[in-house]
């Protein structure tokens, strides 16, 4: 059975590809990121980073805690723009006309 296991679903990188590149000597997350684009999709590595680091750890016998997890680019977590921008109110239409007959002029 030739079943593909996708490590990075955003960039469609398989476990086989990750293992192949690790065997070729690319044993850091940043190297694999540059070559395979793991961690560069919309999730920014939240789905694949741990899996790739685990594979590097298995191959190099270095504990995951001692591996460089790679660089993060902000925002590392999606945010609503309203959370980081100033409070904005809905624009109000200003025509100079009013529906109140007492305040109507002329």
PDB file of N, CA and C in Angstrom:
ATOM      1  N   UNK A   1       0.838  -1.171   0.000  1.00  0.00           N
ATOM      2  CA  UNK A   1       0.000   0.000   0.000  1.00  0.00           C
ATOM      3  C   UNK A   1       0.894   1.249   0.000  1.00  0.00           C
ATOM      4  N   UNK A   2       0.666   2.147  -0.916  1.00  0.00           N
ATOM      5  CA  UNK A   2       1.470   3.357  -1.049  1.00  0.00           C
ATOM      6  C   UNK A   2       0.664   4.550  -0.550  1.00  0.00           C
ATOM      7  N   UNK A   3       0.557   4.662   0.761  1.00  0.00           N
ATOM      8  CA  UNK A   3      -0.241   5.732   1.351  1.00  0.00           C
ATOM      9  C   UNK A   3       0.660   6.881   1.772  1.00  0.00           C
ATOM     10  N   UNK A   4       0.267   8.092   1.377  1.00  0.00           N
ATOM     11  CA  UNK A   4       1.042   9.262   1.745  1.00  0.00           C
ATOM     12  C   UNK A   4       0.550   9.798   3.084  1.00  0.00           C
ATOM     13  N   UNK A   5       1.491  10.124   3.924  1.00  0.00           N
ATOM     14  CA  UNK A   5       1.162  10.757   5.203  1.00  0.00           C
ATOM     15  C   UNK A   5       1.621  12.206   5.106  1.00  0.00           C
ATOM     16  N   UNK A   6       0.662  13.113   5.161  1.00  0.00           N
ATOM     17  CA  UNK A   6       0.997  14.527   5.045  1.00  0.00           C
ATOM     18  C   UNK A   6       1.367  15.089   6.411  1.00  0.00           C
ATOM     19  N   UNK A   7       2.569  15.602   6.484  1.00  0.00           N
ATOM     20  CA  UNK A   7       3.049  16.247   7.702  1.00  0.00           C
ATOM     21  C   UNK A   7       2.563  17.690   7.730  1.00  0.00           C
ATOM     22  N   UNK A   8       2.736  18.365   6.619  1.00  0.00           N
ATOM     23  CA  UNK A   8       2.301  19.756   6.495  1.00  0.00           C
ATOM     24  C   UNK A   8       1.170  19.786   5.470  1.00  0.00           C
ATOM     25  N   UNK A   9      -0.034  19.930   5.984  1.00  0.00           N
ATOM     26  CA  UNK A   9      -1.189  19.932   5.091  1.00  0.00           C
ATOM     27  C   UNK A   9      -1.275  21.229   4.298  1.00  0.00           C
ATOM     28  N   UNK A  10      -0.780  22.303   4.862  1.00  0.00           N
ATOM     29  CA  UNK A  10      -0.837  23.597   4.151  1.00  0.00           C
ATOM     30  C   UNK A  10      -0.005  23.547   2.875  1.00  0.00           C
ATOM     31  N   UNK A  11       1.193  22.986   2.973  1.00  0.00           N
ATOM     32  CA  UNK A  11       2.113  22.955   1.838  1.00  0.00           C
ATOM     33  C   UNK A  11       2.194  21.570   1.199  1.00  0.00           C
ATOM     34  N   UNK A  12       1.377  20.638   1.662  1.00  0.00           N
ATOM     35  CA  UNK A  12       1.303  19.281   1.122  1.00  0.00           C
ATOM     36  C   UNK A  12       2.660  18.585   1.107  1.00  0.00           C
ATOM     37  N   UNK A  13       3.330  18.626   2.248  1.00  0.00           N
ATOM     38  CA  UNK A  13       4.626  17.964   2.411  1.00  0.00           C
ATOM     39  C   UNK A  13       4.386  16.654   3.147  1.00  0.00           C
ATOM     40  N   UNK A  14       4.953  15.575   2.598  1.00  0.00           N
ATOM     41  CA  UNK A  14       4.722  14.254   3.188  1.00  0.00           C
ATOM     42  C   UNK A  14       5.827  13.889   4.178  1.00  0.00           C
ATOM     43  N   UNK A  15       5.517  12.920   5.015  1.00  0.00           N
ATOM     44  CA  UNK A  15       6.493  12.402   5.978  1.00  0.00           C
ATOM     45  C   UNK A  15       7.692  11.818   5.245  1.00  0.00           C
ATOM     46  N   UNK A  16       7.435  11.155   4.138  1.00  0.00           N
ATOM     47  CA  UNK A  16       8.511  10.572   3.336  1.00  0.00           C
ATOM     48  C   UNK A  16       9.488  11.657   2.867  1.00  0.00           C
ATOM     49  N   UNK A  17       8.963  12.795   2.423  1.00  0.00           N
ATOM     50  CA  UNK A  17       9.829  13.891   1.966  1.00  0.00           C
ATOM     51  C   UNK A  17      10.663  14.435   3.117  1.00  0.00           C
ATOM     52  N   UNK A  18      10.027  14.614   4.282  1.00  0.00           N
ATOM     53  CA  UNK A  18      10.750  15.136   5.449  1.00  0.00           C
ATOM     54  C   UNK A  18      11.883  14.188   5.819  1.00  0.00           C
ATOM     55  N   UNK A  19      11.593  12.892   5.862  1.00  0.00           N
ATOM     56  CA  UNK A  19      12.632  11.909   6.219  1.00  0.00           C
ATOM     57  C   UNK A  19      13.747  11.877   5.182  1.00  0.00           C
ATOM     58  N   UNK A  20      13.395  12.005   3.922  1.00  0.00           N
ATOM     59  CA  UNK A  20      14.390  11.999   2.841  1.00  0.00           C
ATOM     60  C   UNK A  20      15.363  13.178   2.991  1.00  0.00           C
ATOM     61  N   UNK A  21      14.817  14.355   3.267  1.00  0.00           N
ATOM     62  CA  UNK A  21      15.675  15.535   3.402  1.00  0.00           C
ATOM     63  C   UNK A  21      16.516  15.473   4.678  1.00  0.00           C
ATOM     64  N   UNK A  22      15.975  14.884   5.736  1.00  0.00           N
ATOM     65  CA  UNK A  22      16.773  14.721   6.964  1.00  0.00           C
ATOM     66  C   UNK A  22      17.944  13.778   6.682  1.00  0.00           C
ATOM     67  N   UNK A  23      17.680  12.695   5.946  1.00  0.00           N
ATOM     68  CA  UNK A  23      18.756  11.762   5.595  1.00  0.00           C
ATOM     69  C   UNK A  23      19.806  12.415   4.702  1.00  0.00           C
ATOM     70  N   UNK A  24      19.383  13.416   3.918  1.00  0.00           N
ATOM     71  CA  UNK A  24      20.318  14.134   3.055  1.00  0.00           C
ATOM     72  C   UNK A  24      21.193  15.095   3.857  1.00  0.00           C
ATOM     73  N   UNK A  25      20.888  15.267   5.150  1.00  0.00           N
ATOM     74  CA  UNK A  25      21.730  16.091   6.000  1.00  0.00           C
ATOM     75  C   UNK A  25      21.118  17.408   6.436  1.00  0.00           C
ATOM     76  N   UNK A  26      19.887  17.645   6.050  1.00  0.00           N
ATOM     77  CA  UNK A  26      19.222  18.877   6.461  1.00  0.00           C
ATOM     78  C   UNK A  26      18.499  18.597   7.780  1.00  0.00           C
ATOM     79  N   UNK A  27      19.165  18.924   8.874  1.00  0.00           N
ATOM     80  CA  UNK A  27      18.669  18.493  10.180  1.00  0.00           C
ATOM     81  C   UNK A  27      18.238  19.645  11.078  1.00  0.00           C
ATOM     82  N   UNK A  28      17.893  20.768  10.502  1.00  0.00           N
ATOM     83  CA  UNK A  28      17.304  21.828  11.322  1.00  0.00           C
ATOM     84  C   UNK A  28      15.949  22.194  10.726  1.00  0.00           C
ATOM     85  N   UNK A  29      15.099  22.707  11.592  1.00  0.00           N
ATOM     86  CA  UNK A  29      13.763  23.067  11.129  1.00  0.00           C
ATOM     87  C   UNK A  29      13.840  24.156  10.062  1.00  0.00           C
ATOM     88  N   UNK A  30      14.726  25.128  10.263  1.00  0.00           N
ATOM     89  CA  UNK A  30      14.843  26.221   9.290  1.00  0.00           C
ATOM     90  C   UNK A  30      15.314  25.732   7.921  1.00  0.00           C
ATOM     91  N   UNK A  31      16.211  24.754   7.895  1.00  0.00           N
ATOM     92  CA  UNK A  31      16.641  24.207   6.602  1.00  0.00           C
ATOM     93  C   UNK A  31      15.483  23.524   5.895  1.00  0.00           C
ATOM     94  N   UNK A  32      14.730  22.722   6.640  1.00  0.00           N
ATOM     95  CA  UNK A  32      13.592  22.034   6.033  1.00  0.00           C
ATOM     96  C   UNK A  32      12.509  23.024   5.624  1.00  0.00           C
ATOM     97  N   UNK A  33      12.398  24.075   6.385  1.00  0.00           N
ATOM     98  CA  UNK A  33      11.425  25.120   6.055  1.00  0.00           C
ATOM     99  C   UNK A  33      11.774  25.770   4.718  1.00  0.00           C
ATOM    100  N   UNK A  34      13.041  26.071   4.529  1.00  0.00           N
ATOM    101  CA  UNK A  34      13.473  26.704   3.282  1.00  0.00           C
ATOM    102  C   UNK A  34      13.356  25.766   2.086  1.00  0.00           C
ATOM    103  N   UNK A  35      13.627  24.494   2.314  1.00  0.00           N
ATOM    104  CA  UNK A  35      13.621  23.545   1.201  1.00  0.00           C
ATOM    105  C   UNK A  35      12.224  23.015   0.888  1.00  0.00           C
ATOM    106  N   UNK A  36      11.455  22.717   1.916  1.00  0.00           N
ATOM    107  CA  UNK A  36      10.160  22.059   1.699  1.00  0.00           C
ATOM    108  C   UNK A  36       8.964  22.969   1.949  1.00  0.00           C
ATOM    109  N   UNK A  37       9.209  24.133   2.535  1.00  0.00           N
ATOM    110  CA  UNK A  37       8.158  25.086   2.887  1.00  0.00           C
ATOM    111  C   UNK A  37       7.297  24.620   4.075  1.00  0.00           C
ATOM    112  N   UNK A  38       7.796  23.673   4.864  1.00  0.00           N
ATOM    113  CA  UNK A  38       7.045  23.293   6.063  1.00  0.00           C
ATOM    114  C   UNK A  38       7.010  24.505   6.991  1.00  0.00           C
ATOM    115  N   UNK A  39       5.882  24.732   7.604  1.00  0.00           N
ATOM    116  CA  UNK A  39       5.753  25.853   8.521  1.00  0.00           C
ATOM    117  C   UNK A  39       5.533  27.196   7.844  1.00  0.00           C
ATOM    118  N   UNK A  40       5.370  27.207   6.538  1.00  0.00           N
ATOM    119  CA  UNK A  40       5.197  28.476   5.832  1.00  0.00           C
ATOM    120  C   UNK A  40       3.772  28.661   5.312  1.00  0.00           C
ATOM    121  N   UNK A  41       2.895  27.739   5.628  1.00  0.00           N
ATOM    122  CA  UNK A  41       1.516  27.858   5.170  1.00  0.00           C
ATOM    123  C   UNK A  41       0.708  28.762   6.079  1.00  0.00           C
ATOM    124  N   UNK A  42      -0.588  28.814   5.849  1.00  0.00           N
ATOM    125  CA  UNK A  42      -1.441  29.683   6.662  1.00  0.00           C
ATOM    126  C   UNK A  42      -1.381  29.405   8.161  1.00  0.00           C
ATOM    127  N   UNK A  43      -1.076  28.185   8.553  1.00  0.00           N
ATOM    128  CA  UNK A  43      -1.042  27.878   9.992  1.00  0.00           C
ATOM    129  C   UNK A  43       0.295  28.254  10.617  1.00  0.00           C
ATOM    130  N   UNK A  44       1.277  28.645   9.797  1.00  0.00           N
ATOM    131  CA  UNK A  44       2.602  29.052  10.272  1.00  0.00           C
ATOM    132  C   UNK A  44       3.280  27.987  11.139  1.00  0.00           C
ATOM    133  N   UNK A  45       3.070  26.733  10.813  1.00  0.00           N
ATOM    134  CA  UNK A  45       3.752  25.645  11.499  1.00  0.00           C
ATOM    135  C   UNK A  45       3.053  25.099  12.722  1.00  0.00           C
ATOM    136  N   UNK A  46       1.874  25.615  13.018  1.00  0.00           N
ATOM    137  CA  UNK A  46       1.184  25.096  14.198  1.00  0.00           C
ATOM    138  C   UNK A  46       0.776  23.640  14.018  1.00  0.00           C
ATOM    139  N   UNK A  47       0.604  23.213  12.773  1.00  0.00           N
ATOM    140  CA  UNK A  47       0.217  21.827  12.520  1.00  0.00           C
ATOM    141  C   UNK A  47       1.392  20.899  12.299  1.00  0.00           C
ATOM    142  N   UNK A  48       2.497  21.385  11.762  1.00  0.00           N
ATOM    143  CA  UNK A  48       3.587  20.501  11.346  1.00  0.00           C
ATOM    144  C   UNK A  48       4.878  20.666  12.149  1.00  0.00           C
ATOM    145  N   UNK A  49       5.040  21.757  12.828  1.00  0.00           N
ATOM    146  CA  UNK A  49       6.319  22.028  13.508  1.00  0.00           C
ATOM    147  C   UNK A  49       6.706  20.899  14.457  1.00  0.00           C
ATOM    148  N   UNK A  50       5.796  20.480  15.311  1.00  0.00           N
ATOM    149  CA  UNK A  50       6.116  19.428  16.285  1.00  0.00           C
ATOM    150  C   UNK A  50       6.454  18.111  15.606  1.00  0.00           C
ATOM    151  N   UNK A  51       5.743  17.797  14.531  1.00  0.00           N
ATOM    152  CA  UNK A  51       5.997  16.536  13.824  1.00  0.00           C
ATOM    153  C   UNK A  51       7.379  16.561  13.184  1.00  0.00           C
ATOM    154  N   UNK A  52       7.715  17.675  12.547  1.00  0.00           N
ATOM    155  CA  UNK A  52       9.024  17.787  11.896  1.00  0.00           C
ATOM    156  C   UNK A  52      10.130  17.742  12.946  1.00  0.00           C
ATOM    157  N   UNK A  53       9.933  18.456  14.053  1.00  0.00           N
ATOM    158  CA  UNK A  53      10.951  18.435  15.118  1.00  0.00           C
ATOM    159  C   UNK A  53      11.116  17.033  15.692  1.00  0.00           C
ATOM    160  N   UNK A  54      10.020  16.304  15.815  1.00  0.00           N
ATOM    161  CA  UNK A  54      10.097  14.924  16.311  1.00  0.00           C
ATOM    162  C   UNK A  54      10.894  14.043  15.348  1.00  0.00           C
ATOM    163  N   UNK A  55      10.695  14.235  14.055  1.00  0.00           N
ATOM    164  CA  UNK A  55      11.449  13.451  13.070  1.00  0.00           C
ATOM    165  C   UNK A  55      12.935  13.801  13.110  1.00  0.00           C
ATOM    166  N   UNK A  56      13.241  15.079  13.252  1.00  0.00           N
ATOM    167  CA  UNK A  56      14.648  15.495  13.366  1.00  0.00           C
ATOM    168  C   UNK A  56      15.257  14.882  14.625  1.00  0.00           C
ATOM    169  N   UNK A  57      14.497  14.910  15.711  1.00  0.00           N
ATOM    170  CA  UNK A  57      14.974  14.363  16.980  1.00  0.00           C
ATOM    171  C   UNK A  57      15.266  12.865  16.869  1.00  0.00           C
ATOM    172  N   UNK A  58      14.358  12.147  16.217  1.00  0.00           N
ATOM    173  CA  UNK A  58      14.568  10.697  16.035  1.00  0.00           C
ATOM    174  C   UNK A  58      15.829  10.426  15.225  1.00  0.00           C
ATOM    175  N   UNK A  59      16.017  11.183  14.169  1.00  0.00           N
ATOM    176  CA  UNK A  59      17.146  10.933  13.271  1.00  0.00           C
ATOM    177  C   UNK A  59      18.478  11.348  13.879  1.00  0.00           C
ATOM    178  N   UNK A  60      18.472  12.443  14.638  1.00  0.00           N
ATOM    179  CA  UNK A  60      19.740  12.960  15.166  1.00  0.00           C
ATOM    180  C   UNK A  60      20.021  12.527  16.599  1.00  0.00           C
ATOM    181  N   UNK A  61      19.016  11.934  17.244  1.00  0.00           N
ATOM    182  CA  UNK A  61      19.131  11.526  18.662  1.00  0.00           C
ATOM    183  C   UNK A  61      19.333  12.723  19.587  1.00  0.00           C
ATOM    184  N   UNK A  62      18.876  13.877  19.157  1.00  0.00           N
ATOM    185  CA  UNK A  62      18.931  15.092  19.981  1.00  0.00           C
ATOM    186  C   UNK A  62      17.520  15.343  20.519  1.00  0.00           C
ATOM    187  N   UNK A  63      17.374  15.563  21.833  1.00  0.00           N
ATOM    188  CA  UNK A  63      16.037  15.809  22.376  1.00  0.00           C
ATOM    189  C   UNK A  63      15.377  17.031  21.732  1.00  0.00           C
ATOM    190  N   UNK A  64      14.079  16.959  21.571  1.00  0.00           N
ATOM    191  CA  UNK A  64      13.341  18.057  20.945  1.00  0.00           C
ATOM    192  C   UNK A  64      13.582  19.368  21.685  1.00  0.00           C
ATOM    193  N   UNK A  65      13.711  19.297  23.005  1.00  0.00           N
ATOM    194  CA  UNK A  65      13.906  20.518  23.797  1.00  0.00           C
ATOM    195  C   UNK A  65      15.207  21.246  23.435  1.00  0.00           C
ATOM    196  N   UNK A  66      16.150  20.536  22.843  1.00  0.00           N
ATOM    197  CA  UNK A  66      17.422  21.155  22.478  1.00  0.00           C
ATOM    198  C   UNK A  66      17.474  21.580  21.015  1.00  0.00           C
ATOM    199  N   UNK A  67      16.398  21.296  20.265  1.00  0.00           N
ATOM    200  CA  UNK A  67      16.373  21.685  18.857  1.00  0.00           C
ATOM    201  C   UNK A  67      15.844  23.109  18.718  1.00  0.00           C
ATOM    202  N   UNK A  68      16.339  23.794  17.722  1.00  0.00           N
ATOM    203  CA  UNK A  68      15.843  25.142  17.417  1.00  0.00           C
ATOM    204  C   UNK A  68      14.493  24.994  16.707  1.00  0.00           C
ATOM    205  N   UNK A  69      13.425  25.551  17.282  1.00  0.00           N
ATOM    206  CA  UNK A  69      12.104  25.368  16.667  1.00  0.00           C
ATOM    207  C   UNK A  69      11.878  26.237  15.428  1.00  0.00           C
ATOM    208  N   UNK A  70      12.886  26.981  15.024  1.00  0.00           N
ATOM    209  CA  UNK A  70      12.729  27.805  13.834  1.00  0.00           C
ATOM    210  C   UNK A  70      12.260  29.200  14.173  1.00  0.00           C
ATOM    211  N   UNK A  71      12.195  30.011  13.148  1.00  0.00           N
ATOM    212  CA  UNK A  71      11.774  31.390  13.358  1.00  0.00           C
ATOM    213  C   UNK A  71      10.264  31.508  13.181  1.00  0.00           C
ATOM    214  N   UNK A  72       9.712  32.416  13.951  1.00  0.00           N
ATOM    215  CA  UNK A  72       8.276  32.674  13.865  1.00  0.00           C
ATOM    216  C   UNK A  72       8.093  34.062  13.276  1.00  0.00           C
ATOM    217  N   UNK A  73       7.103  34.205  12.497  1.00  0.00           N
ATOM    218  CA  UNK A  73       6.793  35.516  11.950  1.00  0.00           C
ATOM    219  C   UNK A  73       5.429  35.942  12.465  1.00  0.00           C
ATOM    220  N   UNK A  74       5.364  37.172  12.928  1.00  0.00           N
ATOM    221  CA  UNK A  74       4.069  37.626  13.438  1.00  0.00           C
ATOM    222  C   UNK A  74       3.075  37.818  12.296  1.00  0.00           C
ATOM    223  N   UNK A  75       1.803  37.675  12.488  1.00  0.00           N
ATOM    224  CA  UNK A  75       1.226  37.136  13.698  1.00  0.00           C
ATOM    225  C   UNK A  75       1.307  35.612  13.669  1.00  0.00           C
ATOM    226  N   UNK A  76       1.724  35.037  14.766  1.00  0.00           N
ATOM    227  CA  UNK A  76       1.814  33.587  14.833  1.00  0.00           C
ATOM    228  C   UNK A  76       0.458  32.976  15.129  1.00  0.00           C
ATOM    229  N   UNK A  77      -0.484  33.816  15.487  1.00  0.00           N
ATOM    230  CA  UNK A  77      -1.832  33.343  15.730  1.00  0.00           C
ATOM    231  C   UNK A  77      -2.793  34.355  15.106  1.00  0.00           C
ATOM    232  N   UNK A  78      -3.746  33.900  14.353  1.00  0.00           N
ATOM    233  CA  UNK A  78      -4.668  34.841  13.729  1.00  0.00           C
ATOM    234  C   UNK A  78      -5.426  35.663  14.771  1.00  0.00           C
ATOM    235  N   UNK A  79      -5.507  36.957  14.516  1.00  0.00           N
ATOM    236  CA  UNK A  79      -6.231  37.870  15.399  1.00  0.00           C
ATOM    237  C   UNK A  79      -7.227  38.677  14.577  1.00  0.00           C
ATOM    238  N   UNK A  80      -8.289  39.089  15.215  1.00  0.00           N
ATOM    239  CA  UNK A  80      -9.206  40.017  14.569  1.00  0.00           C
ATOM    240  C   UNK A  80      -8.538  41.384  14.570  1.00  0.00           C
ATOM    241  N   UNK A  81      -8.661  42.094  13.472  1.00  0.00           N
ATOM    242  CA  UNK A  81      -8.003  43.394  13.378  1.00  0.00           C
ATOM    243  C   UNK A  81      -8.492  44.349  14.448  1.00  0.00           C
ATOM    244  N   UNK A  82      -9.726  44.216  14.880  1.00  0.00           N
ATOM    245  CA  UNK A  82     -10.257  45.085  15.908  1.00  0.00           C
ATOM    246  C   UNK A  82      -9.523  44.952  17.232  1.00  0.00           C
ATOM    247  N   UNK A  83      -8.850  43.813  17.467  1.00  0.00           N
ATOM    248  CA  UNK A  83      -8.133  43.613  18.720  1.00  0.00           C
ATOM    249  C   UNK A  83      -6.821  44.390  18.760  1.00  0.00           C
ATOM    250  N   UNK A  84      -6.227  44.659  17.617  1.00  0.00           N
ATOM    251  CA  UNK A  84      -4.945  45.352  17.618  1.00  0.00           C
ATOM    252  C   UNK A  84      -5.041  46.789  17.131  1.00  0.00           C
ATOM    253  N   UNK A  85      -6.160  47.152  16.525  1.00  0.00           N
ATOM    254  CA  UNK A  85      -6.325  48.513  16.031  1.00  0.00           C
ATOM    255  C   UNK A  85      -7.109  49.362  17.018  1.00  0.00           C
ATOM    256  N   UNK A  86      -7.146  50.669  16.777  1.00  0.00           N
ATOM    257  CA  UNK A  86      -7.922  51.548  17.666  1.00  0.00           C
ATOM    258  C   UNK A  86      -9.412  51.259  17.526  1.00  0.00           C
ATOM    259  N   UNK A  87     -10.126  51.592  18.613  1.00  0.00           N
ATOM    260  CA  UNK A  87     -11.577  51.414  18.569  1.00  0.00           C
ATOM    261  C   UNK A  87     -12.150  52.314  17.493  1.00  0.00           C
ATOM    262  N   UNK A  88     -12.968  51.771  16.708  1.00  0.00           N
ATOM    263  CA  UNK A  88     -13.589  52.548  15.644  1.00  0.00           C
ATOM    264  C   UNK A  88     -15.102  52.417  15.775  1.00  0.00           C
ATOM    265  N   UNK A  89     -15.755  53.514  15.512  1.00  0.00           N
ATOM    266  CA  UNK A  89     -17.205  53.491  15.495  1.00  0.00           C
ATOM    267  C   UNK A  89     -17.642  53.464  14.040  1.00  0.00           C
ATOM    268  N   UNK A  90     -18.803  52.957  13.853  1.00  0.00           N
ATOM    269  CA  UNK A  90     -19.340  52.920  12.505  1.00  0.00           C
ATOM    270  C   UNK A  90     -19.501  54.348  12.001  1.00  0.00           C
ATOM    271  N   UNK A  91     -19.113  54.633  10.783  1.00  0.00           N
ATOM    272  CA  UNK A  91     -19.306  55.982  10.258  1.00  0.00           C
ATOM    273  C   UNK A  91     -20.792  56.293  10.156  1.00  0.00           C
ATOM    274  N   UNK A  92     -21.117  57.524  10.518  1.00  0.00           N
ATOM    275  CA  UNK A  92     -22.523  57.924  10.463  1.00  0.00           C
ATOM    276  C   UNK A  92     -22.708  58.892   9.305  1.00  0.00           C
ATOM    277  N   UNK A  93     -23.788  58.727   8.657  1.00  0.00           N
ATOM    278  CA  UNK A  93     -24.121  59.578   7.533  1.00  0.00           C
ATOM    279  C   UNK A  93     -24.535  60.953   8.057  1.00  0.00           C
ATOM    280  N   UNK A  94     -23.860  61.983   7.632  1.00  0.00           N
ATOM    281  CA  UNK A  94     -24.183  63.335   8.068  1.00  0.00           C
ATOM    282  C   UNK A  94     -24.636  64.140   6.856  1.00  0.00           C
ATOM    283  N   UNK A  95     -25.948  64.411   6.832  1.00  0.00           N
ATOM    284  CA  UNK A  95     -26.497  65.114   5.669  1.00  0.00           C
ATOM    285  C   UNK A  95     -26.917  66.532   5.983  1.00  0.00           C
ATOM    286  N   UNK A  96     -26.983  66.895   7.265  1.00  0.00           N
ATOM    287  CA  UNK A  96     -27.499  68.211   7.611  1.00  0.00           C
ATOM    288  C   UNK A  96     -29.023  68.209   7.712  1.00  0.00           C
ATOM    289  N   UNK A  97     -29.629  67.122   7.366  1.00  0.00           N
ATOM    290  CA  UNK A  97     -31.090  67.001   7.476  1.00  0.00           C
ATOM    291  C   UNK A  97     -31.408  66.203   8.732  1.00  0.00           C
ATOM    292  N   UNK A  98     -32.519  66.475   9.325  1.00  0.00           N
ATOM    293  CA  UNK A  98     -32.917  65.745  10.505  1.00  0.00           C
ATOM    294  C   UNK A  98     -34.356  65.286  10.351  1.00  0.00           C
ATOM    295  N   UNK A  99     -34.675  64.223  11.020  1.00  0.00           N
ATOM    296  CA  UNK A  99     -36.045  63.717  10.942  1.00  0.00           C
ATOM    297  C   UNK A  99     -36.929  64.344  12.007  1.00  0.00           C
ATOM    298  N   UNK A 100     -36.326  65.077  12.950  1.00  0.00           N
ATOM    299  CA  UNK A 100     -37.090  65.735  14.008  1.00  0.00           C
ATOM    300  C   UNK A 100     -37.619  67.073  13.483  1.00  0.00           C
ATOM    301  N   UNK A 101     -38.958  67.251  13.402  1.00  0.00           N
ATOM    302  CA  UNK A 101     -39.507  68.484  12.836  1.00  0.00           C
ATOM    303  C   UNK A 101     -39.205  69.721  13.683  1.00  0.00           C
ATOM    304  N   UNK A 102     -38.968  69.581  15.014  1.00  0.00           N
ATOM    305  CA  UNK A 102     -38.670  70.713  15.887  1.00  0.00           C
ATOM    306  C   UNK A 102     -37.302  71.330  15.578  1.00  0.00           C
ATOM    307  N   UNK A 103     -36.380  70.515  15.127  1.00  0.00           N
ATOM    308  CA  UNK A 103     -35.035  71.021  14.903  1.00  0.00           C
ATOM    309  C   UNK A 103     -34.790  71.402  13.451  1.00  0.00           C
ATOM    310  N   UNK A 104     -35.793  71.232  12.624  1.00  0.00           N
ATOM    311  CA  UNK A 104     -35.597  71.598  11.216  1.00  0.00           C
ATOM    312  C   UNK A 104     -35.503  73.112  11.081  1.00  0.00           C
ATOM    313  N   UNK A 105     -34.639  73.563  10.312  1.00  0.00           N
ATOM    314  CA  UNK A 105     -34.504  74.997  10.087  1.00  0.00           C
ATOM    315  C   UNK A 105     -35.063  75.353   8.708  1.00  0.00           C
ATOM    316  N   UNK A 106     -35.421  76.569   8.575  1.00  0.00           N
ATOM    317  CA  UNK A 106     -35.824  77.134   7.312  1.00  0.00           C
ATOM    318  C   UNK A 106     -37.125  76.740   6.875  1.00  0.00           C
TER     319      UNK A 106
END
